[in-house]
Amino acid sequence: MGKQTLTSLCELPPSAKLVFKVLEYSGAHTQKEIVQRSRLSARTVRSALENLTEVGAVREEVYIPDARQRLYRLDDTRDWEQVNCLEEAPV
């Protein structure tokens, strides 16, 4: 079976949403910095970044001080304030 394709930020797991919020509030970070800020495991952060990249929420760039690492930042071409994943639950 193939990997499920995610099409929306709202479909992401909670760990990916947390990584999104870390990047939204504190700007661009390396994976190691995201692990420290989010307190998630490196493996979980790596998976979250893959999911966020898949939906087009995150861009990956070369980290100039150490080219072996990557810098992750939110895609600044989109208005993330317009994304609302909280829908009212049926009563």
Protein backbone atom coordinates (compact mmCIF):
# COMPACT_ATOMS: atom_id res chain seq x y z
CA MET A 1 0.00 0.00 0.00
CA GLY A 2 1.18 3.52 -0.81
CA LYS A 3 1.53 6.43 1.52
CA GLN A 4 -1.64 8.45 2.09
CA THR A 5 -1.51 11.76 0.24
CA LEU A 6 -2.25 14.77 2.41
CA THR A 7 -3.88 17.69 0.68
CA SER A 8 -4.58 20.11 3.50
CA LEU A 9 -2.91 21.52 6.57
CA CYS A 10 -6.04 20.55 8.48
CA GLU A 11 -5.49 16.84 7.68
CA LEU A 12 -2.06 16.77 9.31
CA PRO A 13 -1.34 14.91 12.56
CA PRO A 14 -0.99 16.95 15.76
CA SER A 15 2.82 16.72 15.69
CA ALA A 16 2.94 18.38 12.26
CA LYS A 17 0.58 21.12 13.45
CA LEU A 18 2.88 21.72 16.45
CA VAL A 19 5.92 22.01 14.16
CA PHE A 20 3.91 24.40 11.97
CA LYS A 21 3.17 26.57 15.02
CA VAL A 22 6.84 26.55 16.08
CA LEU A 23 7.79 27.85 12.63
CA GLU A 24 4.89 30.30 12.58
CA TYR A 25 5.77 31.86 15.95
CA SER A 26 9.57 31.72 15.87
CA GLY A 27 10.52 31.81 12.21
CA ALA A 28 12.93 29.58 10.31
CA HIS A 29 14.80 26.81 12.16
CA THR A 30 16.94 23.77 11.53
CA GLN A 31 15.49 20.37 12.34
CA LYS A 32 17.64 20.23 15.48
CA GLU A 33 16.26 23.58 16.67
CA ILE A 34 12.69 22.45 15.99
CA VAL A 35 13.33 19.32 18.08
CA GLN A 36 14.53 21.50 20.96
CA ARG A 37 11.66 23.99 20.75
CA SER A 38 8.86 21.46 20.24
CA ARG A 39 10.26 18.76 22.56
CA LEU A 40 9.28 16.15 19.98
CA SER A 41 11.63 13.35 18.96
CA ALA A 42 13.88 13.88 15.95
CA ARG A 43 12.03 11.15 14.08
CA THR A 44 8.65 12.78 14.77
CA VAL A 45 9.92 16.18 13.65
CA ARG A 46 11.37 14.66 10.47
CA SER A 47 8.02 13.05 9.68
CA ALA A 48 6.15 16.27 10.47
CA LEU A 49 8.44 18.25 8.16
CA GLU A 50 7.84 15.72 5.37
CA ASN A 51 4.08 16.11 5.83
CA LEU A 52 4.30 19.90 5.92
CA THR A 53 6.43 19.92 2.78
CA GLU A 54 3.95 17.60 1.05
CA VAL A 55 1.07 20.04 1.59
CA GLY A 56 3.22 23.00 0.55
CA ALA A 57 3.35 24.63 3.97
CA VAL A 58 7.11 24.47 4.48
CA ARG A 59 10.12 25.31 2.32
CA GLU A 60 13.50 23.67 2.78
CA GLU A 61 16.65 25.75 2.21
CA VAL A 62 20.38 25.31 2.65
CA TYR A 63 21.52 26.40 6.11
CA ILE A 64 24.45 28.71 5.27
CA PRO A 65 26.47 28.25 8.52
CA ASP A 66 26.45 24.45 8.01
CA ALA A 67 25.55 23.18 4.54
CA ARG A 68 24.95 19.67 5.92
CA GLN A 69 21.82 20.95 7.64
CA ARG A 70 18.64 22.37 6.18
CA LEU A 71 16.67 25.42 7.25
CA TYR A 72 12.89 25.07 7.36
CA ARG A 73 10.51 28.00 7.05
CA LEU A 74 6.84 28.49 6.30
CA ASP A 75 5.97 29.17 2.68
CA ASP A 76 5.58 32.95 2.80
CA THR A 77 3.53 33.07 -0.41
CA ARG A 78 0.44 31.89 1.48
CA ASP A 79 -1.66 33.65 4.09
CA TRP A 80 -1.62 31.17 6.96
CA GLU A 81 -3.91 33.31 9.12
CA GLN A 82 -6.74 32.36 6.76
CA VAL A 83 -6.33 28.64 7.51
CA ASN A 84 -8.80 27.59 10.17
CA CYS A 85 -8.85 23.90 11.05
CA LEU A 86 -11.22 24.23 13.96
CA GLU A 87 -14.71 23.36 12.87
CA GLU A 88 -17.67 23.20 15.15
CA ALA A 89 -18.50 19.70 16.21
CA PRO A 90 -22.07 18.57 15.59
CA VAL A 91 -24.22 18.88 18.69
